[in-house]
């Protein structure tokens, strides 16, 4: 099950925002209220984890893309 991040939506100026994580099924609706305080919440969209399968470290798989093509060769992820 995915882990989703939420944060409370401030209702008054300078109110502290509380961030928390909830393990939910992808079929479940997003939360609308903080389970602890009942305050309104929104789901936080953050960076994810991407794993490219390629010829890094001498290993390759069927249908893999060479690492030099996966990032254009402009980074420092390979020689």
N, C-alpha and C. Protein backbone atom coordinates (compact mmCIF):
# COMPACT_ATOMS: atom_id res chain seq x y z
N UNK A 1 0.84 -1.18 0.00
CA UNK A 1 0.00 0.00 0.00
C UNK A 1 0.88 1.25 0.00
N UNK A 2 0.51 2.24 -0.81
CA UNK A 2 1.29 3.48 -0.85
C UNK A 2 1.17 4.29 0.43
N UNK A 3 2.19 5.08 0.67
CA UNK A 3 2.23 5.99 1.81
C UNK A 3 2.00 7.40 1.28
N UNK A 4 0.96 8.06 1.74
CA UNK A 4 0.62 9.41 1.27
C UNK A 4 0.92 10.43 2.35
N UNK A 5 1.40 11.60 1.92
CA UNK A 5 1.67 12.70 2.84
C UNK A 5 0.51 13.69 2.76
N UNK A 6 0.13 14.19 3.93
CA UNK A 6 -0.92 15.19 4.03
C UNK A 6 -0.41 16.33 4.89
N UNK A 7 -1.04 17.50 4.74
CA UNK A 7 -0.76 18.62 5.63
C UNK A 7 -2.06 19.34 5.93
N UNK A 8 -2.13 19.88 7.15
CA UNK A 8 -3.32 20.63 7.52
C UNK A 8 -3.34 21.95 6.77
N UNK A 9 -4.54 22.44 6.50
CA UNK A 9 -4.72 23.72 5.82
C UNK A 9 -4.98 24.77 6.89
N UNK A 10 -4.10 25.75 7.02
CA UNK A 10 -4.30 26.78 8.05
C UNK A 10 -5.63 27.51 7.85
N UNK A 11 -6.33 27.74 8.95
CA UNK A 11 -7.60 28.45 8.89
C UNK A 11 -7.48 29.87 9.42
N UNK A 12 -6.37 30.16 10.10
CA UNK A 12 -6.09 31.51 10.60
C UNK A 12 -4.63 31.83 10.30
N UNK A 13 -4.30 33.13 10.17
CA UNK A 13 -2.90 33.50 9.89
C UNK A 13 -1.94 32.97 10.97
N UNK A 14 -0.77 32.59 10.53
CA UNK A 14 0.31 32.10 11.40
C UNK A 14 -0.01 30.78 12.12
N UNK A 15 -1.03 30.08 11.68
CA UNK A 15 -1.35 28.77 12.27
C UNK A 15 -0.32 27.75 11.80
N UNK A 16 0.18 26.94 12.68
CA UNK A 16 1.18 25.93 12.33
C UNK A 16 0.55 24.86 11.44
N UNK A 17 1.32 24.41 10.47
CA UNK A 17 0.88 23.34 9.57
C UNK A 17 1.45 22.04 10.10
N UNK A 18 0.59 21.03 10.18
CA UNK A 18 1.04 19.72 10.64
C UNK A 18 1.09 18.78 9.44
N UNK A 19 2.25 18.16 9.21
CA UNK A 19 2.39 17.16 8.14
C UNK A 19 2.39 15.77 8.77
N UNK A 20 1.73 14.85 8.06
CA UNK A 20 1.70 13.47 8.54
C UNK A 20 1.55 12.54 7.35
N UNK A 21 1.83 11.27 7.57
CA UNK A 21 1.75 10.26 6.52
C UNK A 21 0.69 9.23 6.88
N UNK A 22 0.02 8.73 5.84
CA UNK A 22 -1.02 7.73 6.03
C UNK A 22 -0.85 6.65 4.96
N UNK A 23 -0.86 5.40 5.38
CA UNK A 23 -0.81 4.28 4.45
C UNK A 23 -2.24 4.02 3.98
N UNK A 24 -2.47 4.17 2.65
CA UNK A 24 -3.81 4.01 2.10
C UNK A 24 -3.74 3.20 0.81
N UNK A 25 -4.82 2.53 0.52
CA UNK A 25 -4.96 1.85 -0.76
C UNK A 25 -5.12 2.91 -1.85
N UNK A 26 -4.70 2.61 -3.06
CA UNK A 26 -4.86 3.54 -4.16
C UNK A 26 -6.34 3.74 -4.50
N UNK A 27 -7.18 2.81 -4.07
CA UNK A 27 -8.62 2.90 -4.34
C UNK A 27 -9.36 3.77 -3.33
N UNK A 28 -8.71 4.09 -2.22
CA UNK A 28 -9.34 4.93 -1.18
C UNK A 28 -9.34 6.39 -1.60
N UNK A 29 -10.37 7.10 -1.20
CA UNK A 29 -10.42 8.54 -1.43
C UNK A 29 -9.38 9.24 -0.55
N UNK A 30 -8.90 10.38 -1.03
CA UNK A 30 -7.96 11.19 -0.25
C UNK A 30 -8.66 11.68 1.02
N UNK A 31 -7.88 11.81 2.10
CA UNK A 31 -8.45 12.34 3.33
C UNK A 31 -8.86 13.80 3.14
N UNK A 32 -9.88 14.22 3.84
CA UNK A 32 -10.29 15.63 3.83
C UNK A 32 -10.10 16.25 5.20
N UNK A 33 -9.94 15.42 6.25
CA UNK A 33 -9.76 15.90 7.63
C UNK A 33 -8.62 15.16 8.29
N UNK A 34 -7.90 15.86 9.17
CA UNK A 34 -6.83 15.28 9.97
C UNK A 34 -7.47 14.30 10.96
N UNK A 35 -7.03 13.05 10.97
CA UNK A 35 -7.62 12.07 11.89
C UNK A 35 -7.47 12.44 13.37
N UNK A 36 -6.43 13.23 13.71
CA UNK A 36 -6.20 13.60 15.10
C UNK A 36 -6.96 14.85 15.52
N UNK A 37 -6.94 15.88 14.66
CA UNK A 37 -7.53 17.17 15.07
C UNK A 37 -8.85 17.50 14.40
N UNK A 38 -9.14 16.84 13.28
CA UNK A 38 -10.35 17.14 12.55
C UNK A 38 -10.22 18.35 11.63
N UNK A 39 -9.03 18.96 11.58
CA UNK A 39 -8.82 20.13 10.72
C UNK A 39 -8.78 19.68 9.26
N UNK A 40 -9.13 20.59 8.33
CA UNK A 40 -9.07 20.24 6.91
C UNK A 40 -7.63 19.98 6.47
N UNK A 41 -7.46 19.04 5.54
CA UNK A 41 -6.13 18.68 5.04
C UNK A 41 -6.12 18.62 3.52
N UNK A 42 -4.90 18.66 2.98
CA UNK A 42 -4.70 18.43 1.55
C UNK A 42 -3.57 17.43 1.39
N UNK A 43 -3.62 16.68 0.30
CA UNK A 43 -2.56 15.71 0.01
C UNK A 43 -1.37 16.47 -0.57
N UNK A 44 -0.18 16.12 -0.11
CA UNK A 44 1.04 16.78 -0.55
C UNK A 44 1.63 15.97 -1.70
N UNK A 45 1.90 16.64 -2.80
CA UNK A 45 2.55 15.99 -3.94
C UNK A 45 4.04 16.27 -3.82
N UNK A 46 4.81 15.20 -3.77
CA UNK A 46 6.26 15.36 -3.63
C UNK A 46 6.96 14.49 -4.65
N UNK A 47 8.28 14.64 -4.72
CA UNK A 47 9.06 13.85 -5.66
C UNK A 47 8.95 12.37 -5.37
N UNK A 48 9.08 11.58 -6.38
CA UNK A 48 8.97 10.15 -6.23
C UNK A 48 10.31 9.47 -6.41
N UNK A 49 10.28 8.19 -6.50
CA UNK A 49 11.48 7.39 -6.66
C UNK A 49 11.41 6.73 -8.03
N UNK A 50 12.39 6.99 -8.86
CA UNK A 50 12.41 6.43 -10.21
C UNK A 50 13.65 5.59 -10.37
N UNK A 51 13.45 4.39 -10.86
CA UNK A 51 14.58 3.50 -11.06
C UNK A 51 14.61 3.10 -12.53
N UNK A 52 15.68 3.47 -13.21
CA UNK A 52 15.83 3.12 -14.61
C UNK A 52 16.66 1.86 -14.72
N UNK A 53 16.21 0.94 -15.55
CA UNK A 53 16.95 -0.28 -15.78
C UNK A 53 17.80 -0.07 -17.02
N UNK A 54 19.10 -0.19 -16.90
CA UNK A 54 19.98 0.03 -18.03
C UNK A 54 21.29 -0.67 -17.88
N UNK A 55 22.24 -0.29 -18.68
CA UNK A 55 23.54 -0.93 -18.68
C UNK A 55 24.50 -0.26 -17.71
N UNK A 56 24.05 0.02 -16.51
CA UNK A 56 24.90 0.62 -15.48
C UNK A 56 25.61 -0.50 -14.74
N UNK A 57 26.89 -0.38 -14.54
CA UNK A 57 27.65 -1.40 -13.82
C UNK A 57 27.83 -2.68 -14.59
N UNK A 58 27.65 -2.64 -15.92
CA UNK A 58 27.87 -3.82 -16.73
C UNK A 58 26.69 -4.75 -16.81
N UNK A 59 25.59 -4.43 -16.14
CA UNK A 59 24.42 -5.29 -16.20
C UNK A 59 23.42 -4.70 -17.17
N UNK A 60 22.75 -5.56 -17.89
CA UNK A 60 21.68 -5.09 -18.77
C UNK A 60 20.56 -6.11 -18.74
N UNK A 61 19.39 -5.66 -19.06
CA UNK A 61 18.24 -6.54 -19.08
C UNK A 61 17.55 -6.44 -20.42
N UNK A 62 16.64 -7.36 -20.68
CA UNK A 62 15.90 -7.35 -21.94
C UNK A 62 15.13 -6.04 -22.06
N UNK A 63 15.27 -5.40 -23.19
CA UNK A 63 14.55 -4.16 -23.41
C UNK A 63 15.11 -2.98 -22.65
N UNK A 64 16.33 -3.12 -22.12
CA UNK A 64 16.89 -2.04 -21.31
C UNK A 64 17.44 -0.94 -22.20
N UNK A 65 17.57 0.24 -21.67
CA UNK A 65 18.11 1.39 -22.37
C UNK A 65 19.48 1.67 -21.78
N UNK A 66 20.50 1.83 -22.63
CA UNK A 66 21.82 2.15 -22.08
C UNK A 66 21.77 3.41 -21.25
N UNK A 67 22.53 3.45 -20.16
CA UNK A 67 22.51 4.58 -19.25
C UNK A 67 22.84 5.88 -19.97
N UNK A 68 23.70 5.81 -20.99
CA UNK A 68 24.06 7.02 -21.72
C UNK A 68 22.87 7.63 -22.44
N UNK A 69 21.84 6.83 -22.71
CA UNK A 69 20.64 7.36 -23.37
C UNK A 69 19.56 7.74 -22.38
N UNK A 70 19.59 7.17 -21.18
CA UNK A 70 18.52 7.42 -20.21
C UNK A 70 18.55 8.83 -19.66
N UNK A 71 19.73 9.47 -19.58
CA UNK A 71 19.82 10.83 -19.06
C UNK A 71 20.47 11.77 -20.04
N UNK A 72 20.73 11.28 -21.25
CA UNK A 72 21.35 12.14 -22.26
C UNK A 72 22.85 12.28 -22.10
N UNK A 73 23.43 11.62 -21.11
CA UNK A 73 24.87 11.68 -20.90
C UNK A 73 25.36 13.00 -20.34
N UNK A 74 24.44 13.87 -19.90
CA UNK A 74 24.85 15.19 -19.41
C UNK A 74 25.00 15.25 -17.91
N UNK A 75 24.82 14.15 -17.22
CA UNK A 75 24.96 14.16 -15.76
C UNK A 75 26.21 13.39 -15.37
N UNK A 76 26.40 13.20 -14.08
CA UNK A 76 27.58 12.50 -13.60
C UNK A 76 27.24 11.10 -13.09
N UNK A 77 26.13 10.53 -13.58
CA UNK A 77 25.71 9.22 -13.06
C UNK A 77 26.46 8.07 -13.70
N UNK A 78 27.24 8.33 -14.74
CA UNK A 78 28.02 7.29 -15.38
C UNK A 78 29.24 7.92 -16.05
N UNK A 79 30.29 7.12 -16.30
CA UNK A 79 31.51 7.66 -16.91
C UNK A 79 31.30 8.08 -18.35
